[in-house]
Amino acid sequence: MTRGLKEEVARVRNRDFLEACVAGCALVANADGVVKPDEKQKMMGFMQTSEVLSLYNASEVIALFNKYTSHFEFDFGIGEAQALKTIGKLGRKPDEARLLVRACCVIGAADGHFDDKERAVVRRMCLELGLDPNDFGL
């Protein structure tokens, strides 16, 4: 799934995509309701070293991730709503929306296990974007 992802992200490199991708990362990271400190560090490390997200300035990615994660820490519903609102901006851009879902699937599987809660939030992203979750094996 990661094959060709970096080249595709390079073609759509823009602020809306960056924000949606980071919001998606935060949503996947918070899938179980809380990001433990070690989970946050692991996710941040992945975001800094990921081929997909390495195209963007690392400090900007970290600041955005912290922004979205803080919404979840305040209230899960607010965090989820904010993330989905940002993700939804790509609904009018089907190629970017599909790329976002693919990237979130890769992020969800970064630890070697794409669990049911992570799959569920990515399915929710698909619905928000008007995409069929079955197209992504969800």
Protein backbone atom coordinates (compact mmCIF):
# COMPACT_ATOMS: atom_id res chain seq x y z
CA MET A 1 0.00 0.00 0.00
CA THR A 2 2.89 2.37 0.61
CA ARG A 3 4.25 1.83 -2.91
CA GLY A 4 3.89 5.06 -4.82
CA LEU A 5 2.32 6.87 -1.86
CA LYS A 6 5.20 9.33 -1.50
CA GLU A 7 5.03 10.34 -5.16
CA GLU A 8 1.26 10.84 -4.95
CA VAL A 9 1.56 12.95 -1.80
CA ALA A 10 4.22 15.07 -3.51
CA ARG A 11 1.71 15.82 -6.30
CA VAL A 12 -1.03 16.94 -3.89
CA ARG A 13 1.19 18.67 -1.39
CA ASN A 14 -0.97 21.47 0.02
CA ARG A 15 -2.18 22.83 3.33
CA ASP A 16 -5.63 21.18 3.27
CA PHE A 17 -4.07 17.79 2.62
CA LEU A 18 -1.46 18.27 5.35
CA GLU A 19 -4.10 19.29 7.90
CA ALA A 20 -6.40 16.42 6.91
CA CYS A 21 -3.57 13.90 7.09
CA VAL A 22 -2.48 15.07 10.54
CA ALA A 23 -6.10 15.16 11.73
CA GLY A 24 -6.46 11.59 10.45
CA CYS A 25 -3.31 10.58 12.33
CA ALA A 26 -4.71 12.06 15.52
CA LEU A 27 -8.02 10.29 14.98
CA VAL A 28 -6.31 6.93 14.45
CA ALA A 29 -4.02 7.53 17.44
CA ASN A 30 -7.03 8.29 19.63
CA ALA A 31 -9.09 5.36 18.36
CA ASP A 32 -9.15 3.70 21.79
CA GLY A 33 -10.15 6.95 23.48
CA VAL A 34 -6.77 8.08 24.77
CA VAL A 35 -3.21 8.48 23.53
CA LYS A 36 -0.83 7.27 26.21
CA PRO A 37 2.51 9.06 26.40
CA ASP A 38 4.35 6.15 24.82
CA GLU A 39 1.74 5.95 22.03
CA LYS A 40 2.12 9.67 21.38
CA GLN A 41 5.89 9.36 21.19
CA LYS A 42 5.60 6.40 18.83
CA MET A 43 3.12 8.25 16.60
CA MET A 44 5.26 11.40 16.61
CA GLY A 45 8.32 9.35 15.74
CA PHE A 46 6.46 7.69 12.90
CA MET A 47 5.24 11.04 11.60
CA GLN A 48 8.78 12.40 11.60
CA THR A 49 10.25 9.40 9.79
CA SER A 50 7.34 8.45 7.55
CA GLU A 51 8.04 8.63 3.83
CA VAL A 52 4.57 10.06 3.39
CA LEU A 53 4.80 12.85 5.96
CA SER A 54 8.53 13.54 5.54
CA LEU A 55 7.64 15.80 2.61
CA TYR A 56 6.34 18.34 5.12
CA ASN A 57 8.20 20.37 7.73
CA ALA A 58 8.50 18.15 10.82
CA SER A 59 7.92 20.94 13.34
CA GLU A 60 4.74 21.97 11.51
CA VAL A 61 3.49 18.36 11.51
CA ILE A 62 4.23 18.03 15.24
CA ALA A 63 2.47 21.31 16.06
CA LEU A 64 -0.60 20.27 14.08
CA PHE A 65 -0.64 16.81 15.67
CA ASN A 66 -0.46 18.38 19.13
CA LYS A 67 -3.28 20.77 18.20
CA TYR A 68 -5.58 17.94 17.12
CA THR A 69 -4.58 15.68 19.99
CA SER A 70 -5.35 18.46 22.49
CA HIS A 71 -8.95 18.48 21.24
CA PHE A 72 -9.20 14.77 22.06
CA GLU A 73 -7.63 15.30 25.47
CA PHE A 74 -10.21 17.96 26.27
CA ASP A 75 -13.15 15.89 25.04
CA PHE A 76 -13.15 12.88 22.73
CA GLY A 77 -16.31 14.01 20.91
CA ILE A 78 -14.88 17.45 20.26
CA GLY A 79 -11.62 15.96 19.03
CA GLU A 80 -13.41 13.56 16.73
CA ALA A 81 -15.66 16.32 15.38
CA GLN A 82 -12.71 18.66 14.74
CA ALA A 83 -10.70 15.92 13.03
CA LEU A 84 -13.63 14.85 10.84
CA LYS A 85 -14.40 18.48 9.95
CA THR A 86 -10.84 18.94 8.72
CA ILE A 87 -10.83 15.59 6.94
CA GLY A 88 -14.16 16.44 5.32
CA LYS A 89 -12.56 19.34 3.44
CA LEU A 90 -11.10 16.75 1.08
CA GLY A 91 -14.55 15.38 0.25
CA ARG A 92 -14.64 17.51 -2.89
CA LYS A 93 -11.23 16.21 -3.95
CA PRO A 94 -11.69 12.44 -4.48
CA ASP A 95 -8.07 11.72 -5.42
CA GLU A 96 -6.76 13.46 -2.31
CA ALA A 97 -9.47 11.87 -0.16
CA ARG A 98 -8.50 8.38 -1.34
CA LEU A 99 -4.83 9.18 -0.74
CA LEU A 100 -5.64 10.38 2.79
CA VAL A 101 -7.44 7.13 3.60
CA ARG A 102 -4.56 5.10 2.22
CA ALA A 103 -2.11 7.11 4.33
CA CYS A 104 -4.25 6.60 7.46
CA CYS A 105 -4.37 2.86 6.78
CA VAL A 106 -0.57 2.83 6.60
CA ILE A 107 -0.36 4.87 9.81
CA GLY A 108 -2.84 2.57 11.54
CA ALA A 109 -0.72 -0.43 10.61
CA ALA A 110 2.58 1.28 11.55
CA ASP A 111 2.93 -0.79 14.71
CA GLY A 112 2.31 -4.01 12.79
CA HIS A 113 -1.31 -4.33 13.93
CA PHE A 114 -4.24 -2.43 12.39
CA ASP A 115 -6.79 -3.15 15.13
CA ASP A 116 -10.58 -3.00 14.98
CA LYS A 117 -10.84 0.41 16.65
CA GLU A 118 -8.33 1.92 14.22
CA ARG A 119 -10.17 0.32 11.28
CA ALA A 120 -13.45 1.71 12.61
CA VAL A 121 -12.20 5.31 12.66
CA VAL A 122 -10.76 4.95 9.17
CA ARG A 123 -14.13 3.57 8.01
CA ARG A 124 -15.73 6.66 9.58
CA MET A 125 -13.30 8.84 7.61
CA CYS A 126 -14.38 7.05 4.45
CA LEU A 127 -18.01 7.79 5.16
CA GLU A 128 -17.19 11.43 5.89
CA LEU A 129 -15.41 11.61 2.53
CA GLY A 130 -18.10 9.75 0.60
CA LEU A 131 -15.80 6.80 -0.09
CA ASP A 132 -16.60 3.11 0.12
CA PRO A 133 -14.61 1.55 3.01
CA ASN A 134 -14.58 -1.75 1.11
CA ASP A 135 -12.31 -0.14 -1.50
CA PHE A 136 -9.64 -0.04 1.22
CA GLY A 137 -10.21 -3.48 2.70
CA LEU A 138 -12.06 -2.06 5.70
